[in-house]
PDB file of N, CA and C in Angstrom:
ATOM      1  N   GLN A   1     113.927  62.260 141.164  1.00  0.00           N
ATOM      2  CA  GLN A   1     113.334  61.663 139.976  1.00  0.00           C
ATOM      3  C   GLN A   1     112.042  62.404 139.646  1.00  0.00           C
ATOM      4  N   VAL A   2     111.838  62.656 138.357  1.00  0.00           N
ATOM      5  CA  VAL A   2     110.642  63.353 137.892  1.00  0.00           C
ATOM      6  C   VAL A   2     110.042  62.555 136.744  1.00  0.00           C
ATOM      7  N   GLN A   3     108.755  62.347 136.798  1.00  0.00           N
ATOM      8  CA  GLN A   3     108.052  61.724 135.677  1.00  0.00           C
ATOM      9  C   GLN A   3     107.033  62.722 135.150  1.00  0.00           C
ATOM     10  N   LEU A   4     107.114  62.985 133.865  1.00  0.00           N
ATOM     11  CA  LEU A   4     106.291  64.012 133.230  1.00  0.00           C
ATOM     12  C   LEU A   4     105.249  63.373 132.323  1.00  0.00           C
ATOM     13  N   VAL A   5     104.060  63.941 132.356  1.00  0.00           N
ATOM     14  CA  VAL A   5     102.970  63.445 131.527  1.00  0.00           C
ATOM     15  C   VAL A   5     102.344  64.620 130.791  1.00  0.00           C
ATOM     16  N   GLU A   6     102.393  64.563 129.458  1.00  0.00           N
ATOM     17  CA  GLU A   6     101.784  65.606 128.650  1.00  0.00           C
ATOM     18  C   GLU A   6     100.349  65.211 128.289  1.00  0.00           C
ATOM     19  N   SER A   7      99.528  66.219 128.062  1.00  0.00           N
ATOM     20  CA  SER A   7      98.164  65.991 127.603  1.00  0.00           C
ATOM     21  C   SER A   7      97.690  67.216 126.837  1.00  0.00           C
ATOM     22  N   GLY A   8      96.589  67.057 126.128  1.00  0.00           N
ATOM     23  CA  GLY A   8      95.988  68.193 125.447  1.00  0.00           C
ATOM     24  C   GLY A   8      96.187  68.225 123.945  1.00  0.00           C
ATOM     25  N   GLY A   9      96.949  67.287 123.410  1.00  0.00           N
ATOM     26  CA  GLY A   9      97.142  67.259 121.968  1.00  0.00           C
ATOM     27  C   GLY A   9      95.885  66.821 121.243  1.00  0.00           C
ATOM     28  N   GLY A  10      95.917  66.930 119.914  1.00  0.00           N
ATOM     29  CA  GLY A  10      94.770  66.507 119.136  1.00  0.00           C
ATOM     30  C   GLY A  10      94.867  66.956 117.702  1.00  0.00           C
ATOM     31  N   LEU A  11      93.769  66.763 116.988  1.00  0.00           N
ATOM     32  CA  LEU A  11      93.664  67.154 115.583  1.00  0.00           C
ATOM     33  C   LEU A  11      92.814  68.413 115.497  1.00  0.00           C
ATOM     34  N   VAL A  12      93.383  69.455 114.927  1.00  0.00           N
ATOM     35  CA  VAL A  12      92.672  70.721 114.796  1.00  0.00           C
ATOM     36  C   VAL A  12      92.888  71.270 113.392  1.00  0.00           C
ATOM     37  N   GLN A  13      92.130  72.319 113.082  1.00  0.00           N
ATOM     38  CA  GLN A  13      92.291  72.982 111.796  1.00  0.00           C
ATOM     39  C   GLN A  13      93.197  74.199 111.940  1.00  0.00           C
ATOM     40  N   ALA A  14      93.781  74.606 110.828  1.00  0.00           N
ATOM     41  CA  ALA A  14      94.617  75.794 110.837  1.00  0.00           C
ATOM     42  C   ALA A  14      93.827  76.980 111.396  1.00  0.00           C
ATOM     43  N   GLY A  15      94.493  77.748 112.275  1.00  0.00           N
ATOM     44  CA  GLY A  15      93.847  78.881 112.904  1.00  0.00           C
ATOM     45  C   GLY A  15      93.251  78.581 114.269  1.00  0.00           C
ATOM     46  N   ASP A  16      93.108  77.314 114.584  1.00  0.00           N
ATOM     47  CA  ASP A  16      92.542  76.912 115.871  1.00  0.00           C
ATOM     48  C   ASP A  16      93.570  77.051 116.985  1.00  0.00           C
ATOM     49  N   SER A  17      93.115  76.781 118.201  1.00  0.00           N
ATOM     50  CA  SER A  17      93.972  76.844 119.383  1.00  0.00           C
ATOM     51  C   SER A  17      93.954  75.517 120.126  1.00  0.00           C
ATOM     52  N   LEU A  18      95.029  75.255 120.837  1.00  0.00           N
ATOM     53  CA  LEU A  18      95.130  74.109 121.726  1.00  0.00           C
ATOM     54  C   LEU A  18      95.922  74.534 122.948  1.00  0.00           C
ATOM     55  N   ARG A  19      95.644  73.881 124.060  1.00  0.00           N
ATOM     56  CA  ARG A  19      96.421  74.112 125.273  1.00  0.00           C
ATOM     57  C   ARG A  19      96.998  72.779 125.729  1.00  0.00           C
ATOM     58  N   LEU A  20      98.311  72.704 125.724  1.00  0.00           N
ATOM     59  CA  LEU A  20      98.982  71.511 126.213  1.00  0.00           C
ATOM     60  C   LEU A  20      99.280  71.667 127.688  1.00  0.00           C
ATOM     61  N   SER A  21      99.201  70.552 128.398  1.00  0.00           N
ATOM     62  CA  SER A  21      99.542  70.538 129.814  1.00  0.00           C
ATOM     63  C   SER A  21     100.647  69.526 130.059  1.00  0.00           C
ATOM     64  N   CYS A  22     101.455  69.828 131.045  1.00  0.00           N
ATOM     65  CA  CYS A  22     102.514  68.918 131.468  1.00  0.00           C
ATOM     66  C   CYS A  22     102.429  68.831 132.980  1.00  0.00           C
ATOM     67  N   ALA A  23     102.170  67.644 133.478  1.00  0.00           N
ATOM     68  CA  ALA A  23     102.069  67.435 134.914  1.00  0.00           C
ATOM     69  C   ALA A  23     103.114  66.432 135.357  1.00  0.00           C
ATOM     70  N   ALA A  24     103.492  66.529 136.615  1.00  0.00           N
ATOM     71  CA  ALA A  24     104.458  65.593 137.173  1.00  0.00           C
ATOM     72  C   ALA A  24     103.718  64.519 137.962  1.00  0.00           C
ATOM     73  N   SER A  25     103.830  63.274 137.480  1.00  0.00           N
ATOM     74  CA  SER A  25     103.218  62.175 138.225  1.00  0.00           C
ATOM     75  C   SER A  25     104.100  61.766 139.394  1.00  0.00           C
ATOM     76  N   GLU A  26     105.348  62.217 139.334  1.00  0.00           N
ATOM     77  CA  GLU A  26     106.295  61.954 140.411  1.00  0.00           C
ATOM     78  C   GLU A  26     107.272  63.115 140.450  1.00  0.00           C
ATOM     79  N   GLY A  27     107.569  63.611 141.626  1.00  0.00           N
ATOM     80  CA  GLY A  27     108.503  64.713 141.759  1.00  0.00           C
ATOM     81  C   GLY A  27     107.814  66.066 141.700  1.00  0.00           C
ATOM     82  N   THR A  28     108.579  67.107 141.975  1.00  0.00           N
ATOM     83  CA  THR A  28     108.043  68.461 141.975  1.00  0.00           C
ATOM     84  C   THR A  28     108.680  69.289 140.862  1.00  0.00           C
ATOM     85  N   LEU A  29     107.869  70.181 140.274  1.00  0.00           N
ATOM     86  CA  LEU A  29     108.359  71.019 139.184  1.00  0.00           C
ATOM     87  C   LEU A  29     108.661  72.437 139.629  1.00  0.00           C
ATOM     88  N   SER A  30     108.329  72.789 140.848  1.00  0.00           N
ATOM     89  CA  SER A  30     108.353  74.188 141.256  1.00  0.00           C
ATOM     90  C   SER A  30     109.736  74.813 141.217  1.00  0.00           C
ATOM     91  N   SER A  31     110.797  74.025 141.360  1.00  0.00           N
ATOM     92  CA  SER A  31     112.145  74.589 141.355  1.00  0.00           C
ATOM     93  C   SER A  31     112.873  74.321 140.038  1.00  0.00           C
ATOM     94  N   ARG A  32     112.138  73.861 139.033  1.00  0.00           N
ATOM     95  CA  ARG A  32     112.775  73.443 137.786  1.00  0.00           C
ATOM     96  C   ARG A  32     112.404  74.328 136.608  1.00  0.00           C
ATOM     97  N   THR A  33     113.421  74.726 135.854  1.00  0.00           N
ATOM     98  CA  THR A  33     113.147  75.339 134.564  1.00  0.00           C
ATOM     99  C   THR A  33     112.534  74.267 133.659  1.00  0.00           C
ATOM    100  N   MET A  34     111.480  74.648 132.939  1.00  0.00           N
ATOM    101  CA  MET A  34     110.739  73.705 132.113  1.00  0.00           C
ATOM    102  C   MET A  34     110.756  74.148 130.654  1.00  0.00           C
ATOM    103  N   GLY A  35     110.734  73.177 129.776  1.00  0.00           N
ATOM    104  CA  GLY A  35     110.728  73.491 128.355  1.00  0.00           C
ATOM    105  C   GLY A  35     109.740  72.649 127.588  1.00  0.00           C
ATOM    106  N   TRP A  36     109.325  73.184 126.449  1.00  0.00           N
ATOM    107  CA  TRP A  36     108.538  72.422 125.484  1.00  0.00           C
ATOM    108  C   TRP A  36     109.365  72.302 124.208  1.00  0.00           C
ATOM    109  N   PHE A  37     109.400  71.109 123.665  1.00  0.00           N
ATOM    110  CA  PHE A  37     110.085  70.829 122.412  1.00  0.00           C
ATOM    111  C   PHE A  37     109.109  70.093 121.498  1.00  0.00           C
ATOM    112  N   ARG A  38     109.430  70.029 120.230  1.00  0.00           N
ATOM    113  CA  ARG A  38     108.571  69.294 119.312  1.00  0.00           C
ATOM    114  C   ARG A  38     109.405  68.604 118.240  1.00  0.00           C
ATOM    115  N   GLN A  39     108.834  67.541 117.696  1.00  0.00           N
ATOM    116  CA  GLN A  39     109.498  66.805 116.627  1.00  0.00           C
ATOM    117  C   GLN A  39     108.467  66.469 115.566  1.00  0.00           C
ATOM    118  N   GLY A  40     108.623  67.093 114.404  1.00  0.00           N
ATOM    119  CA  GLY A  40     107.738  66.834 113.287  1.00  0.00           C
ATOM    120  C   GLY A  40     108.179  65.613 112.505  1.00  0.00           C
ATOM    121  N   PRO A  41     107.350  65.130 111.596  1.00  0.00           N
ATOM    122  CA  PRO A  41     107.679  63.951 110.798  1.00  0.00           C
ATOM    123  C   PRO A  41     108.982  64.140 110.028  1.00  0.00           C
ATOM    124  N   GLY A  42     109.921  63.246 110.228  1.00  0.00           N
ATOM    125  CA  GLY A  42     111.187  63.305 109.518  1.00  0.00           C
ATOM    126  C   GLY A  42     112.086  64.459 109.921  1.00  0.00           C
ATOM    127  N   GLN A  43     111.773  65.077 111.055  1.00  0.00           N
ATOM    128  CA  GLN A  43     112.552  66.235 111.492  1.00  0.00           C
ATOM    129  C   GLN A  43     113.240  65.959 112.820  1.00  0.00           C
ATOM    130  N   GLU A  44     114.223  66.798 113.125  1.00  0.00           N
ATOM    131  CA  GLU A  44     114.885  66.688 114.408  1.00  0.00           C
ATOM    132  C   GLU A  44     114.026  67.396 115.475  1.00  0.00           C
ATOM    133  N   ARG A  45     114.249  66.998 116.718  1.00  0.00           N
ATOM    134  CA  ARG A  45     113.543  67.657 117.804  1.00  0.00           C
ATOM    135  C   ARG A  45     114.009  69.101 117.885  1.00  0.00           C
ATOM    136  N   GLU A  46     113.059  70.031 118.076  1.00  0.00           N
ATOM    137  CA  GLU A  46     113.398  71.442 118.126  1.00  0.00           C
ATOM    138  C   GLU A  46     112.774  72.114 119.333  1.00  0.00           C
ATOM    139  N   PHE A  47     113.435  73.156 119.768  1.00  0.00           N
ATOM    140  CA  PHE A  47     112.964  73.951 120.899  1.00  0.00           C
ATOM    141  C   PHE A  47     111.728  74.732 120.513  1.00  0.00           C
ATOM    142  N   VAL A  48     110.774  74.813 121.446  1.00  0.00           N
ATOM    143  CA  VAL A  48     109.565  75.609 121.241  1.00  0.00           C
ATOM    144  C   VAL A  48     109.501  76.763 122.246  1.00  0.00           C
ATOM    145  N   ALA A  49     109.573  76.436 123.532  1.00  0.00           N
ATOM    146  CA  ALA A  49     109.436  77.464 124.570  1.00  0.00           C
ATOM    147  C   ALA A  49     110.012  76.942 125.870  1.00  0.00           C
ATOM    148  N   ALA A  50     110.382  77.871 126.740  1.00  0.00           N
ATOM    149  CA  ALA A  50     110.886  77.497 128.054  1.00  0.00           C
ATOM    150  C   ALA A  50     110.493  78.565 129.063  1.00  0.00           C
ATOM    151  N   ILE A  51     110.404  78.148 130.320  1.00  0.00           N
ATOM    152  CA  ILE A  51     110.067  79.075 131.403  1.00  0.00           C
ATOM    153  C   ILE A  51     110.958  78.766 132.594  1.00  0.00           C
ATOM    154  N   LYS A  52     111.510  79.813 133.179  1.00  0.00           N
ATOM    155  CA  LYS A  52     112.398  79.655 134.310  1.00  0.00           C
ATOM    156  C   LYS A  52     111.649  79.102 135.514  1.00  0.00           C
ATOM    157  N   TRP A  53     112.381  78.484 136.423  1.00  0.00           N
ATOM    158  CA  TRP A  53     111.763  77.807 137.560  1.00  0.00           C
ATOM    159  C   TRP A  53     110.882  78.738 138.383  1.00  0.00           C
ATOM    160  N   ASN A  54     111.232  80.028 138.447  1.00  0.00           N
ATOM    161  CA  ASN A  54     110.421  80.969 139.228  1.00  0.00           C
ATOM    162  C   ASN A  54     109.422  81.734 138.362  1.00  0.00           C
ATOM    163  N   GLY A  55     109.329  81.383 137.101  1.00  0.00           N
ATOM    164  CA  GLY A  55     108.395  82.045 136.201  1.00  0.00           C
ATOM    165  C   GLY A  55     108.842  83.415 135.748  1.00  0.00           C
ATOM    166  N   GLY A  56     110.060  83.805 136.136  1.00  0.00           N
ATOM    167  CA  GLY A  56     110.518  85.160 135.888  1.00  0.00           C
ATOM    168  C   GLY A  56     111.091  85.409 134.509  1.00  0.00           C
ATOM    169  N   ASP A  57     111.232  84.389 133.722  1.00  0.00           N
ATOM    170  CA  ASP A  57     111.794  84.547 132.377  1.00  0.00           C
ATOM    171  C   ASP A  57     111.216  83.473 131.466  1.00  0.00           C
ATOM    172  N   THR A  58     111.014  83.844 130.226  1.00  0.00           N
ATOM    173  CA  THR A  58     110.542  82.889 129.229  1.00  0.00           C
ATOM    174  C   THR A  58     111.352  83.057 127.950  1.00  0.00           C
ATOM    175  N   SER A  59     111.330  82.038 127.132  1.00  0.00           N
ATOM    176  CA  SER A  59     112.020  82.077 125.850  1.00  0.00           C
ATOM    177  C   SER A  59     111.178  81.329 124.832  1.00  0.00           C
ATOM    178  N   TYR A  60     111.191  81.816 123.587  1.00  0.00           N
ATOM    179  CA  TYR A  60     110.386  81.196 122.530  1.00  0.00           C
ATOM    180  C   TYR A  60     111.204  81.056 121.248  1.00  0.00           C
ATOM    181  N   ALA A  61     110.903  80.021 120.505  1.00  0.00           N
ATOM    182  CA  ALA A  61     111.440  79.912 119.160  1.00  0.00           C
ATOM    183  C   ALA A  61     110.809  80.993 118.301  1.00  0.00           C
ATOM    184  N   ASP A  62     111.565  81.496 117.338  1.00  0.00           N
ATOM    185  CA  ASP A  62     111.047  82.564 116.474  1.00  0.00           C
ATOM    186  C   ASP A  62     109.769  82.125 115.766  1.00  0.00           C
ATOM    187  N   SER A  63     109.687  80.855 115.438  1.00  0.00           N
ATOM    188  CA  SER A  63     108.551  80.345 114.663  1.00  0.00           C
ATOM    189  C   SER A  63     107.236  80.380 115.436  1.00  0.00           C
ATOM    190  N   VAL A  64     107.307  80.515 116.763  1.00  0.00           N
ATOM    191  CA  VAL A  64     106.069  80.493 117.557  1.00  0.00           C
ATOM    192  C   VAL A  64     105.831  81.788 118.325  1.00  0.00           C
ATOM    193  N   LYS A  65     106.773  82.716 118.259  1.00  0.00           N
ATOM    194  CA  LYS A  65     106.616  83.976 118.997  1.00  0.00           C
ATOM    195  C   LYS A  65     105.349  84.693 118.572  1.00  0.00           C
ATOM    196  N   GLY A  66     104.617  85.175 119.553  1.00  0.00           N
ATOM    197  CA  GLY A  66     103.375  85.877 119.284  1.00  0.00           C
ATOM    198  C   GLY A  66     102.168  84.960 119.116  1.00  0.00           C
ATOM    199  N   ARG A  67     102.408  83.651 118.999  1.00  0.00           N
ATOM    200  CA  ARG A  67     101.297  82.695 118.857  1.00  0.00           C
ATOM    201  C   ARG A  67     101.200  81.741 120.044  1.00  0.00           C
ATOM    202  N   PHE A  68     102.337  81.365 120.593  1.00  0.00           N
ATOM    203  CA  PHE A  68     102.370  80.410 121.706  1.00  0.00           C
ATOM    204  C   PHE A  68     102.731  81.150 122.997  1.00  0.00           C
ATOM    205  N   ALA A  69     102.242  80.623 124.114  1.00  0.00           N
ATOM    206  CA  ALA A  69     102.587  81.179 125.417  1.00  0.00           C
ATOM    207  C   ALA A  69     102.794  80.049 126.412  1.00  0.00           C
ATOM    208  N   ILE A  70     103.938  80.075 127.080  1.00  0.00           N
ATOM    209  CA  ILE A  70     104.231  79.086 128.115  1.00  0.00           C
ATOM    210  C   ILE A  70     103.922  79.698 129.467  1.00  0.00           C
ATOM    211  N   SER A  71     103.377  78.888 130.363  1.00  0.00           N
ATOM    212  CA  SER A  71     103.071  79.357 131.706  1.00  0.00           C
ATOM    213  C   SER A  71     103.217  78.186 132.669  1.00  0.00           C
ATOM    214  N   ARG A  72     103.181  78.497 133.938  1.00  0.00           N
ATOM    215  CA  ARG A  72     103.298  77.445 134.939  1.00  0.00           C
ATOM    216  C   ARG A  72     102.429  77.778 136.136  1.00  0.00           C
ATOM    217  N   ASP A  73     102.025  76.738 136.820  1.00  0.00           N
ATOM    218  CA  ASP A  73     101.279  76.879 138.068  1.00  0.00           C
ATOM    219  C   ASP A  73     101.962  75.943 139.054  1.00  0.00           C
ATOM    220  N   ASN A  74     102.864  76.495 139.833  1.00  0.00           N
ATOM    221  CA  ASN A  74     103.645  75.657 140.745  1.00  0.00           C
ATOM    222  C   ASN A  74     102.772  75.027 141.833  1.00  0.00           C
ATOM    223  N   ALA A  75     101.679  75.677 142.160  1.00  0.00           N
ATOM    224  CA  ALA A  75     100.767  75.099 143.153  1.00  0.00           C
ATOM    225  C   ALA A  75     100.135  73.805 142.626  1.00  0.00           C
ATOM    226  N   LYS A  76      99.961  73.750 141.300  1.00  0.00           N
ATOM    227  CA  LYS A  76      99.378  72.561 140.683  1.00  0.00           C
ATOM    228  C   LYS A  76     100.449  71.634 140.108  1.00  0.00           C
ATOM    229  N   ASN A  77     101.713  72.049 140.268  1.00  0.00           N
ATOM    230  CA  ASN A  77     102.808  71.221 139.779  1.00  0.00           C
ATOM    231  C   ASN A  77     102.663  70.950 138.283  1.00  0.00           C
ATOM    232  N   ALA A  78     102.386  72.010 137.528  1.00  0.00           N
ATOM    233  CA  ALA A  78     102.097  71.842 136.112  1.00  0.00           C
ATOM    234  C   ALA A  78     102.637  73.003 135.295  1.00  0.00           C
ATOM    235  N   VAL A  79     102.862  72.714 134.027  1.00  0.00           N
ATOM    236  CA  VAL A  79     103.305  73.705 133.056  1.00  0.00           C
ATOM    237  C   VAL A  79     102.390  73.596 131.842  1.00  0.00           C
ATOM    238  N   TYR A  80     102.162  74.719 131.186  1.00  0.00           N
ATOM    239  CA  TYR A  80     101.213  74.741 130.077  1.00  0.00           C
ATOM    240  C   TYR A  80     101.837  75.381 128.841  1.00  0.00           C
ATOM    241  N   LEU A  81     101.294  75.027 127.699  1.00  0.00           N
ATOM    242  CA  LEU A  81     101.661  75.681 126.445  1.00  0.00           C
ATOM    243  C   LEU A  81     100.376  76.020 125.709  1.00  0.00           C
ATOM    244  N   GLN A  82     100.035  77.296 125.704  1.00  0.00           N
ATOM    245  CA  GLN A  82      98.873  77.774 124.962  1.00  0.00           C
ATOM    246  C   GLN A  82      99.295  78.044 123.532  1.00  0.00           C
ATOM    247  N   MET A  83      98.657  77.389 122.598  1.00  0.00           N
ATOM    248  CA  MET A  83      99.024  77.506 121.188  1.00  0.00           C
ATOM    249  C   MET A  83      97.845  78.090 120.420  1.00  0.00           C
ATOM    250  N   ASN A  84      98.041  79.271 119.872  1.00  0.00           N
ATOM    251  CA  ASN A  84      97.009  79.956 119.102  1.00  0.00           C
ATOM    252  C   ASN A  84      97.431  80.077 117.645  1.00  0.00           C
ATOM    253  N   SER A  85      96.462  80.342 116.803  1.00  0.00           N
ATOM    254  CA  SER A  85      96.726  80.533 115.372  1.00  0.00           C
ATOM    255  C   SER A  85      97.590  79.404 114.819  1.00  0.00           C
ATOM    256  N   LEU A  86      97.194  78.200 115.101  1.00  0.00           N
ATOM    257  CA  LEU A  86      98.004  77.046 114.702  1.00  0.00           C
ATOM    258  C   LEU A  86      98.104  76.934 113.192  1.00  0.00           C
ATOM    259  N   LYS A  87      99.258  76.466 112.750  1.00  0.00           N
ATOM    260  CA  LYS A  87      99.547  76.290 111.334  1.00  0.00           C
ATOM    261  C   LYS A  87      99.869  74.814 111.060  1.00  0.00           C
ATOM    262  N   PRO A  88      99.695  74.367 109.825  1.00  0.00           N
ATOM    263  CA  PRO A  88     100.050  72.971 109.503  1.00  0.00           C
ATOM    264  C   PRO A  88     101.493  72.630 109.870  1.00  0.00           C
ATOM    265  N   GLU A  89     102.389  73.605 109.771  1.00  0.00           N
ATOM    266  CA  GLU A  89     103.788  73.340 110.106  1.00  0.00           C
ATOM    267  C   GLU A  89     104.021  73.182 111.603  1.00  0.00           C
ATOM    268  N   ASP A  90     103.014  73.420 112.416  1.00  0.00           N
ATOM    269  CA  ASP A  90     103.113  73.152 113.845  1.00  0.00           C
ATOM    270  C   ASP A  90     102.850  71.684 114.166  1.00  0.00           C
ATOM    271  N   THR A  91     102.460  70.916 113.165  1.00  0.00           N
ATOM    272  CA  THR A  91     102.204  69.493 113.365  1.00  0.00           C
ATOM    273  C   THR A  91     103.464  68.789 113.848  1.00  0.00           C
ATOM    274  N   ALA A  92     103.354  68.117 114.986  1.00  0.00           N
ATOM    275  CA  ALA A  92     104.519  67.470 115.596  1.00  0.00           C
ATOM    276  C   ALA A  92     104.071  66.742 116.863  1.00  0.00           C
ATOM    277  N   VAL A  93     104.982  65.936 117.375  1.00  0.00           N
ATOM    278  CA  VAL A  93     104.828  65.437 118.733  1.00  0.00           C
ATOM    279  C   VAL A  93     105.484  66.461 119.649  1.00  0.00           C
ATOM    280  N   TYR A  94     104.735  66.881 120.656  1.00  0.00           N
ATOM    281  CA  TYR A  94     105.219  67.897 121.585  1.00  0.00           C
ATOM    282  C   TYR A  94     105.640  67.230 122.891  1.00  0.00           C
ATOM    283  N   TYR A  95     106.837  67.592 123.336  1.00  0.00           N
ATOM    284  CA  TYR A  95     107.414  67.016 124.534  1.00  0.00           C
ATOM    285  C   TYR A  95     107.634  68.081 125.600  1.00  0.00           C
ATOM    286  N   CYS A  96     107.362  67.707 126.820  1.00  0.00           N
ATOM    287  CA  CYS A  96     107.654  68.530 127.983  1.00  0.00           C
ATOM    288  C   CYS A  96     108.977  68.029 128.570  1.00  0.00           C
ATOM    289  N   ALA A  97     109.802  68.951 129.060  1.00  0.00           N
ATOM    290  CA  ALA A  97     111.095  68.572 129.612  1.00  0.00           C
ATOM    291  C   ALA A  97     111.404  69.415 130.843  1.00  0.00           C
ATOM    292  N   ALA A  98     112.163  68.827 131.758  1.00  0.00           N
ATOM    293  CA  ALA A  98     112.515  69.504 133.007  1.00  0.00           C
ATOM    294  C   ALA A  98     114.019  69.473 133.233  1.00  0.00           C
ATOM    295  N   ARG A  99     114.532  70.555 133.779  1.00  0.00           N
ATOM    296  CA  ARG A  99     115.932  70.608 134.163  1.00  0.00           C
ATOM    297  C   ARG A  99     116.076  70.248 135.640  1.00  0.00           C
ATOM    298  N   ARG A 100     117.298  70.032 136.072  1.00  0.00           N
ATOM    299  CA  ARG A 100     117.560  69.850 137.502  1.00  0.00           C
ATOM    300  C   ARG A 100     117.233  71.159 138.210  1.00  0.00           C
ATOM    301  N   PRO A 101     116.993  71.124 139.504  1.00  0.00           N
ATOM    302  CA  PRO A 101     116.523  72.312 140.233  1.00  0.00           C
ATOM    303  C   PRO A 101     117.412  73.539 140.106  1.00  0.00           C
ATOM    304  N   LEU A 102     116.746  74.684 139.986  1.00  0.00           N
ATOM    305  CA  LEU A 102     117.353  76.010 140.058  1.00  0.00           C
ATOM    306  C   LEU A 102     118.321  76.302 138.917  1.00  0.00           C
ATOM    307  N   ASN A 103     118.148  75.631 137.798  1.00  0.00           N
ATOM    308  CA  ASN A 103     118.999  75.897 136.642  1.00  0.00           C
ATOM    309  C   ASN A 103     118.412  77.005 135.789  1.00  0.00           C
ATOM    310  N   ARG A 104     119.280  77.616 134.995  1.00  0.00           N
ATOM    311  CA  ARG A 104     118.848  78.739 134.164  1.00  0.00           C
ATOM    312  C   ARG A 104     118.004  78.247 132.997  1.00  0.00           C
ATOM    313  N   ILE A 105     117.360  79.177 132.342  1.00  0.00           N
ATOM    314  CA  ILE A 105     116.567  78.869 131.173  1.00  0.00           C
ATOM    315  C   ILE A 105     117.519  78.583 130.006  1.00  0.00           C
ATOM    316  N   THR A 106     117.161  77.645 129.140  1.00  0.00           N
ATOM    317  CA  THR A 106     117.990  77.293 128.005  1.00  0.00           C
ATOM    318  C   THR A 106     117.138  76.701 126.893  1.00  0.00           C
ATOM    319  N   THR A 107     117.618  76.869 125.667  1.00  0.00           N
ATOM    320  CA  THR A 107     116.933  76.279 124.509  1.00  0.00           C
ATOM    321  C   THR A 107     117.571  74.952 124.108  1.00  0.00           C
ATOM    322  N   ASP A 108     118.641  74.566 124.789  1.00  0.00           N
ATOM    323  CA  ASP A 108     119.406  73.374 124.448  1.00  0.00           C
ATOM    324  C   ASP A 108     118.755  72.125 125.019  1.00  0.00           C
ATOM    325  N   SER A 109     118.250  71.255 124.172  1.00  0.00           N
ATOM    326  CA  SER A 109     117.546  70.066 124.647  1.00  0.00           C
ATOM    327  C   SER A 109     118.463  69.145 125.450  1.00  0.00           C
ATOM    328  N   GLY A 110     119.754  69.177 125.154  1.00  0.00           N
ATOM    329  CA  GLY A 110     120.706  68.325 125.855  1.00  0.00           C
ATOM    330  C   GLY A 110     120.893  68.676 127.318  1.00  0.00           C
ATOM    331  N   LEU A 111     120.415  69.849 127.710  1.00  0.00           N
ATOM    332  CA  LEU A 111     120.552  70.289 129.102  1.00  0.00           C
ATOM    333  C   LEU A 111     119.316  69.990 129.937  1.00  0.00           C
ATOM    334  N   TYR A 112     118.330  69.378 129.336  1.00  0.00           N
ATOM    335  CA  TYR A 112     117.134  68.966 130.080  1.00  0.00           C
ATOM    336  C   TYR A 112     117.286  67.508 130.498  1.00  0.00           C
ATOM    337  N   ASP A 113     116.903  67.230 131.734  1.00  0.00           N
ATOM    338  CA  ASP A 113     117.213  65.937 132.326  1.00  0.00           C
ATOM    339  C   ASP A 113     116.054  64.948 132.303  1.00  0.00           C
ATOM    340  N   TYR A 114     114.844  65.452 132.227  1.00  0.00           N
ATOM    341  CA  TYR A 114     113.673  64.585 132.283  1.00  0.00           C
ATOM    342  C   TYR A 114     112.726  64.958 131.157  1.00  0.00           C
ATOM    343  N   TRP A 115     112.143  63.916 130.552  1.00  0.00           N
ATOM    344  CA  TRP A 115     111.281  64.122 129.397  1.00  0.00           C
ATOM    345  C   TRP A 115     109.992  63.319 129.547  1.00  0.00           C
ATOM    346  N   GLY A 116     108.905  63.895 129.021  1.00  0.00           N
ATOM    347  CA  GLY A 116     107.661  63.150 128.949  1.00  0.00           C
ATOM    348  C   GLY A 116     107.625  62.293 127.697  1.00  0.00           C
ATOM    349  N   GLN A 117     106.525  61.571 127.524  1.00  0.00           N
ATOM    350  CA  GLN A 117     106.374  60.667 126.384  1.00  0.00           C
ATOM    351  C   GLN A 117     105.898  61.390 125.129  1.00  0.00           C
ATOM    352  N   GLY A 118     105.390  62.593 125.286  1.00  0.00           N
ATOM    353  CA  GLY A 118     104.955  63.372 124.137  1.00  0.00           C
ATOM    354  C   GLY A 118     103.458  63.278 123.886  1.00  0.00           C
ATOM    355  N   THR A 119     102.935  64.313 123.248  1.00  0.00           N
ATOM    356  CA  THR A 119     101.536  64.345 122.842  1.00  0.00           C
ATOM    357  C   THR A 119     101.464  64.856 121.403  1.00  0.00           C
ATOM    358  N   GLN A 120     100.669  64.176 120.583  1.00  0.00           N
ATOM    359  CA  GLN A 120     100.610  64.506 119.159  1.00  0.00           C
ATOM    360  C   GLN A 120      99.699  65.705 118.913  1.00  0.00           C
ATOM    361  N   VAL A 121     100.207  66.644 118.135  1.00  0.00           N
ATOM    362  CA  VAL A 121      99.415  67.777 117.663  1.00  0.00           C
ATOM    363  C   VAL A 121      99.420  67.724 116.139  1.00  0.00           C
ATOM    364  N   THR A 122      98.242  67.671 115.561  1.00  0.00           N
ATOM    365  CA  THR A 122      98.106  67.641 114.109  1.00  0.00           C
ATOM    366  C   THR A 122      97.222  68.796 113.669  1.00  0.00           C
ATOM    367  N   VAL A 123      97.743  69.616 112.773  1.00  0.00           N
ATOM    368  CA  VAL A 123      97.016  70.778 112.286  1.00  0.00           C
ATOM    369  C   VAL A 123      96.747  70.584 110.795  1.00  0.00           C
ATOM    370  N   SER A 124      95.481  70.523 110.448  1.00  0.00           N
ATOM    371  CA  SER A 124      95.113  70.336 109.052  1.00  0.00           C
ATOM    372  C   SER A 124      94.886  71.687 108.387  1.00  0.00           C
ATOM    373  N   SER A 125      95.152  71.741 107.091  1.00  0.00           N
ATOM    374  CA  SER A 125      95.012  73.012 106.360  1.00  0.00           C
ATOM    375  C   SER A 125      93.609  73.188 105.809  1.00  0.00           C
TER     376      SER A 125
END
C-alpha cells in the first residue's frame, strides 16, 4: 500500500516557476515508476511527466517539454516536478501517481495504481 501526498502548488504569474513535491506517507517509492498528471477545469486528466523506478528514463508531454523536469530522490522517498516558464494553460490540479514495483514507464493513467489527492496550480496571465 502506498499513500501519496503532493505539495508545492500555488498561485503564480505567467513566466514564474514552481516545484511540486510528492512524498509517500506510507510505503516506499524507490522501486516504483512515478508519474505526474494534471486536470484542468472542465478537462480530462492528462499525462504530464513520468520517471522510471531507477531514474534511468523519463517521459514528458509535448506541451511541457523543455519547461518541466521530473526527478526523484529515492533516499528521501520523494518525486519532484520542476515547472518553469509557466503558462496560464498550465493551470490545473496536479496529481502524483505510482505504479506497482519495477514496472516500465508509461503515459497511460490507467496503469498507475496509487494516486495522491492533488495540488492546485494556478497561473495568472
